[in-house]
Amino acid sequence: MNRSRTPARRWQIAGVGAVAVALVGVGLGVASADESTAPTVNCPAVAGSLGAVPAQAQAEIQRNLALLNTQIAEANKRLITSQGEGGKNFIQNAILGPLKDKRVATINRMATAIGRNAAKPVLNVNALATCSLNQNGGGNAAPEPATVPAGNNAGGNNAGGNNNAGSLPTVNCPDVTGLPAIPAQAAAEVTRNLELLDTQIAEANARIASSVGQGGPAFIQNAILGPLADKRVATLNRIETAIGRNAPKPEGLEKFGTCSLNE
């Protein structure tokens, strides 16, 4: 065995290691540069167009404003991770277009939430939903404020609709408040179930209107409010489960299941 070559080989191995470390450092530098120079989405702020928000809609509006910020953050992340993909229309077709669709749905939900207890705001949804690019990065990743100005409407929560010149009761259901940050993977399912809660309220109010004169004094409780509570609890449980797949599962949403009447 020729031991005279051992020092030389040691130096050779050390040299290779140094080159590898240098290359890793260069790679990290390139990654940082890519992230800093990637474009970012530039979206119009929505909160200022909503006007005063009824107290009954505050929680839902703030939840949807936070969702707009989440959508922007997700789009910016996609811009970084997809650099070099697709052709010249890739960003428009794969990122800005889907982002606009999400924003349209979110903005419309806010207008509907306000309209349940006050005049529904007339919004230029297309303009508010359309985002452009900051080509050199930067920009405001969270343009929406955490709070909105409160209105003075004192109507019942989620009563919905007119009620035959005020002669019929409407259901009065609590707003679903205190939800944690909703993981992106659960956003669509949670939104769908929150909208289902509204549908259930509308159906209950329609049932009250169509069943005038039916049953005895407990008819509304047994035939309308009781089944409505069952439906709401099942829907609220689905919301908990959807969030719990990708984040800590919220508990106790069933407390929002029971509705009363606006006589």
Protein backbone atom coordinates (compact mmCIF):
# COMPACT_ATOMS: atom_id res chain seq x y z
CA MET A 1 0.00 0.00 0.00
CA ASN A 2 1.40 3.41 -1.02
CA ARG A 3 0.87 5.72 1.97
CA SER A 4 2.64 8.67 0.32
CA ARG A 5 -0.56 9.52 -1.66
CA THR A 6 -2.80 9.79 1.37
CA PRO A 7 -2.16 13.52 2.13
CA ALA A 8 -2.71 14.40 -1.51
CA ARG A 9 -6.02 12.56 -1.57
CA ARG A 10 -7.05 14.30 1.63
CA TRP A 11 -6.42 17.68 0.03
CA GLN A 12 -8.31 16.57 -3.08
CA ILE A 13 -11.37 15.52 -1.04
CA ALA A 14 -11.26 18.78 0.91
CA GLY A 15 -11.13 20.71 -2.35
CA VAL A 16 -14.17 18.92 -3.72
CA GLY A 17 -16.06 19.63 -0.48
CA ALA A 18 -15.20 23.31 -0.68
CA VAL A 19 -16.45 23.51 -4.26
CA ALA A 20 -19.70 21.76 -3.26
CA VAL A 21 -20.27 24.22 -0.41
CA ALA A 22 -19.60 27.12 -2.77
CA LEU A 23 -22.09 25.76 -5.30
CA VAL A 24 -24.76 25.35 -2.60
CA GLY A 25 -24.15 28.93 -1.54
CA VAL A 26 -24.54 30.13 -5.12
CA GLY A 27 -27.78 28.15 -5.41
CA LEU A 28 -29.19 29.74 -2.26
CA GLY A 29 -28.26 33.13 -3.57
CA VAL A 30 -30.08 32.47 -6.82
CA ALA A 31 -33.17 31.25 -4.96
CA SER A 32 -33.24 34.41 -2.87
CA ALA A 33 -32.78 36.54 -5.94
CA ASP A 34 -35.62 34.73 -7.72
CA GLU A 35 -37.96 35.34 -4.81
CA SER A 36 -37.08 39.01 -4.54
CA THR A 37 -37.52 39.67 -8.25
CA ALA A 38 -40.68 37.61 -8.80
CA PRO A 39 -43.75 39.70 -9.64
CA THR A 40 -46.50 40.09 -7.05
CA VAL A 41 -50.22 40.57 -7.50
CA ASN A 42 -51.62 44.06 -7.11
CA CYS A 43 -55.30 43.96 -6.11
CA PRO A 44 -57.74 46.81 -5.39
CA ALA A 45 -58.82 47.23 -1.78
CA VAL A 46 -62.46 46.27 -1.22
CA ALA A 47 -63.24 47.32 2.37
CA GLY A 48 -63.51 51.01 1.54
CA SER A 49 -66.24 50.34 -1.02
CA LEU A 50 -68.55 48.48 1.37
CA GLY A 51 -69.76 51.47 3.37
CA ALA A 52 -71.03 51.09 6.94
CA VAL A 53 -71.53 47.44 7.83
CA PRO A 54 -74.48 46.36 10.03
CA ALA A 55 -73.42 44.88 13.34
CA GLN A 56 -75.03 41.56 12.37
CA ALA A 57 -72.73 41.29 9.34
CA GLN A 58 -69.48 42.44 10.95
CA ALA A 59 -68.05 38.99 11.65
CA GLU A 60 -68.85 37.65 8.19
CA ILE A 61 -67.43 40.73 6.44
CA GLN A 62 -64.19 40.61 8.42
CA ARG A 63 -63.85 36.89 7.73
CA ASN A 64 -64.21 37.48 4.00
CA LEU A 65 -61.81 40.44 4.01
CA ALA A 66 -59.25 38.17 5.65
CA LEU A 67 -59.97 35.59 2.95
CA LEU A 68 -59.16 38.18 0.25
CA ASN A 69 -55.75 38.65 1.88
CA THR A 70 -55.24 34.88 2.01
CA GLN A 71 -56.04 34.62 -1.69
CA ILE A 72 -53.45 37.30 -2.49
CA ALA A 73 -50.79 35.56 -0.40
CA GLU A 74 -51.49 32.26 -2.16
CA ALA A 75 -51.22 33.90 -5.58
CA ASN A 76 -47.90 35.51 -4.66
CA LYS A 77 -46.56 32.17 -3.47
CA ARG A 78 -47.64 30.59 -6.75
CA LEU A 79 -45.80 33.30 -8.68
CA ILE A 80 -42.58 32.38 -6.88
CA THR A 81 -42.88 28.61 -7.17
CA SER A 82 -43.94 28.61 -10.83
CA GLN A 83 -41.22 30.83 -12.31
CA GLY A 84 -40.24 29.51 -15.72
CA GLU A 85 -43.40 27.45 -16.18
CA GLY A 86 -45.78 27.75 -19.13
CA GLY A 87 -45.87 30.29 -21.94
CA LYS A 88 -46.48 34.01 -22.07
CA ASN A 89 -50.09 33.66 -20.87
CA PHE A 90 -49.30 31.33 -17.97
CA ILE A 91 -49.63 33.91 -15.18
CA GLN A 92 -52.92 35.25 -16.54
CA ASN A 93 -54.48 31.84 -17.14
CA ALA A 94 -53.12 29.94 -14.12
CA ILE A 95 -52.90 32.64 -11.43
CA LEU A 96 -54.63 35.98 -12.14
CA GLY A 97 -57.70 34.43 -13.77
CA PRO A 98 -58.45 31.97 -10.94
CA LEU A 99 -57.67 34.70 -8.38
CA LYS A 100 -60.30 36.96 -9.98
CA ASP A 101 -62.90 34.18 -9.82
CA LYS A 102 -62.22 33.66 -6.10
CA ARG A 103 -62.41 37.40 -5.42
CA VAL A 104 -65.72 37.75 -7.31
CA ALA A 105 -67.28 35.03 -5.14
CA THR A 106 -65.90 36.57 -1.92
CA ILE A 107 -67.00 40.12 -2.79
CA ASN A 108 -70.49 38.94 -3.71
CA ARG A 109 -70.78 37.12 -0.38
CA MET A 110 -69.96 40.34 1.45
CA ALA A 111 -72.57 42.32 -0.49
CA THR A 112 -75.16 39.64 0.31
CA ALA A 113 -74.22 39.64 4.02
CA ILE A 114 -74.71 43.42 4.24
CA GLY A 115 -77.95 43.24 2.25
CA ARG A 116 -79.62 41.00 4.82
CA ASN A 117 -79.80 43.85 7.34
CA ALA A 118 -79.26 47.05 5.33
CA ALA A 119 -79.27 48.35 1.78
CA LYS A 120 -77.15 46.02 -0.33
CA PRO A 121 -74.07 47.91 -1.58
CA VAL A 122 -73.84 48.42 -5.33
CA LEU A 123 -70.27 47.39 -6.15
CA ASN A 124 -68.23 47.31 -9.35
CA VAL A 125 -67.37 43.70 -8.67
CA ASN A 126 -65.44 43.20 -11.91
CA ALA A 127 -63.11 46.12 -11.19
CA LEU A 128 -62.64 45.21 -7.53
CA ALA A 129 -61.91 41.58 -8.36
CA THR A 130 -59.38 42.19 -11.15
CA CYS A 131 -55.73 42.17 -10.08
CA SER A 132 -52.64 43.22 -12.03
CA LEU A 133 -48.92 42.57 -11.46
CA ASN A 134 -46.14 44.45 -9.74
CA GLN A 135 -43.49 43.28 -12.21
CA ASN A 136 -40.52 43.95 -9.93
CA GLY A 137 -41.97 42.47 -6.76
CA GLY A 138 -42.99 44.40 -3.69
CA GLY A 139 -46.53 45.67 -3.31
CA ASN A 140 -49.00 45.21 -0.49
CA ALA A 141 -49.68 41.54 0.19
CA ALA A 142 -52.54 42.33 2.59
CA PRO A 143 -54.41 45.44 1.43
CA GLU A 144 -57.58 44.78 3.41
CA PRO A 145 -58.01 46.20 6.94
CA ALA A 146 -58.96 43.99 9.84
CA THR A 147 -62.04 46.06 10.74
CA VAL A 148 -64.78 47.93 8.88
CA PRO A 149 -67.00 50.83 9.98
CA ALA A 150 -70.13 49.68 11.78
CA GLY A 151 -73.64 50.67 10.78
CA ASN A 152 -76.51 51.44 13.13
CA ASN A 153 -79.02 48.91 11.85
CA ALA A 154 -80.63 47.13 14.78
CA GLY A 155 -82.50 44.42 12.90
CA GLY A 156 -82.41 40.76 13.93
CA ASN A 157 -79.53 38.51 12.90
CA ASN A 158 -79.95 36.67 9.61
CA ALA A 159 -83.68 37.26 9.52
CA GLY A 160 -83.70 37.64 5.78
CA GLY A 161 -86.43 38.97 3.51
CA ASN A 162 -89.60 40.91 4.11
CA ASN A 163 -92.30 39.19 6.08
CA ASN A 164 -95.73 40.01 4.68
CA ALA A 165 -95.82 43.62 5.90
CA GLY A 166 -94.33 42.61 9.24
CA SER A 167 -97.17 40.28 10.21
CA LEU A 168 -95.14 37.04 10.05
CA PRO A 169 -92.24 36.02 12.25
CA THR A 170 -88.84 35.24 10.73
CA VAL A 171 -86.10 33.03 12.05
CA ASN A 172 -83.34 34.73 13.99
CA CYS A 173 -80.11 32.69 13.86
CA PRO A 174 -76.79 33.62 15.46
CA ASP A 175 -73.88 34.61 13.23
CA VAL A 176 -71.06 32.07 13.16
CA THR A 177 -68.21 33.94 14.84
CA GLY A 178 -64.82 33.06 16.27
CA LEU A 179 -63.68 30.82 13.44
CA PRO A 180 -59.90 30.37 13.31
CA ALA A 181 -57.84 31.16 10.23
CA ILE A 182 -59.19 28.85 7.55
CA PRO A 183 -56.58 26.75 5.73
CA ALA A 184 -56.52 27.32 1.98
CA GLN A 185 -57.37 23.65 1.41
CA ALA A 186 -60.61 24.09 3.39
CA ALA A 187 -61.68 27.54 2.14
CA ALA A 188 -64.04 26.32 -0.60
CA GLU A 189 -65.76 23.75 1.63
CA VAL A 190 -66.13 26.14 4.54
CA THR A 191 -67.55 28.83 2.26
CA ARG A 192 -69.99 26.37 0.73
CA ASN A 193 -71.28 25.37 4.15
CA LEU A 194 -71.55 28.95 5.39
CA GLU A 195 -73.67 29.70 2.33
CA LEU A 196 -75.75 26.61 3.10
CA LEU A 197 -76.55 28.07 6.52
CA ASP A 198 -78.04 31.09 4.74
CA THR A 199 -80.01 28.82 2.41
CA GLN A 200 -81.43 26.95 5.40
CA ILE A 201 -82.58 30.24 6.95
CA ALA A 202 -84.27 31.30 3.72
CA GLU A 203 -86.01 27.93 3.45
CA ALA A 204 -87.24 28.18 7.05
CA ASN A 205 -88.64 31.67 6.44
CA ALA A 206 -90.38 30.44 3.30
CA ARG A 207 -91.87 27.56 5.31
CA ILE A 208 -93.18 29.99 7.94
CA ALA A 209 -94.83 32.08 5.23
CA SER A 210 -96.40 29.09 3.47
CA SER A 211 -97.67 27.39 6.63
CA VAL A 212 -99.71 30.20 8.17
CA GLY A 213 -102.63 28.74 10.10
CA GLN A 214 -101.24 25.21 10.26
CA GLY A 215 -100.79 23.22 13.45
CA GLY A 216 -101.05 24.31 17.05
CA PRO A 217 -99.01 26.67 19.22
CA ALA A 218 -95.90 24.46 18.99
CA PHE A 219 -96.06 24.04 15.21
CA ILE A 220 -93.24 26.46 14.34
CA GLN A 221 -90.94 25.00 17.00
CA ASN A 222 -91.62 21.37 16.07
CA ALA A 223 -91.91 21.67 12.30
CA ILE A 224 -89.51 24.51 11.49
CA LEU A 225 -87.12 25.61 14.25
CA GLY A 226 -86.34 22.07 15.44
CA PRO A 227 -85.46 20.68 11.98
CA LEU A 228 -83.56 23.90 11.21
CA ALA A 229 -81.38 23.40 14.30
CA ASP A 230 -80.62 19.82 13.22
CA LYS A 231 -79.58 20.99 9.75
CA ARG A 232 -77.43 23.79 11.15
CA VAL A 233 -75.63 21.53 13.63
CA ALA A 234 -74.80 19.08 10.83
CA THR A 235 -73.50 21.93 8.66
CA LEU A 236 -71.45 23.42 11.50
CA ASN A 237 -69.94 20.01 12.20
CA ARG A 238 -68.87 19.79 8.56
CA ILE A 239 -67.15 23.17 8.91
CA GLU A 240 -65.25 21.93 11.97
CA THR A 241 -64.20 18.77 10.13
CA ALA A 242 -63.08 20.66 7.02
CA ILE A 243 -60.84 22.98 9.04
CA GLY A 244 -59.57 20.11 11.19
CA ARG A 245 -58.10 18.24 8.22
CA ASN A 246 -55.35 20.85 7.82
CA ALA A 247 -55.31 22.80 11.11
CA PRO A 248 -56.43 22.44 14.73
CA LYS A 249 -60.12 21.50 14.66
CA PRO A 250 -62.40 24.14 16.19
CA GLU A 251 -64.84 22.81 18.76
CA GLY A 252 -68.23 23.97 19.94
CA LEU A 253 -69.69 25.50 16.77
CA GLU A 254 -72.93 23.65 17.64
CA LYS A 255 -73.76 26.58 19.92
CA PHE A 256 -74.67 28.52 16.77
CA GLY A 257 -77.21 25.90 15.74
CA THR A 258 -80.28 27.05 17.68
CA CYS A 259 -82.45 29.81 16.20
CA SER A 260 -85.27 31.84 17.70
CA LEU A 261 -87.99 33.99 16.13
CA ASN A 262 -88.26 37.65 15.26
CA GLU A 263 -91.94 37.91 16.18
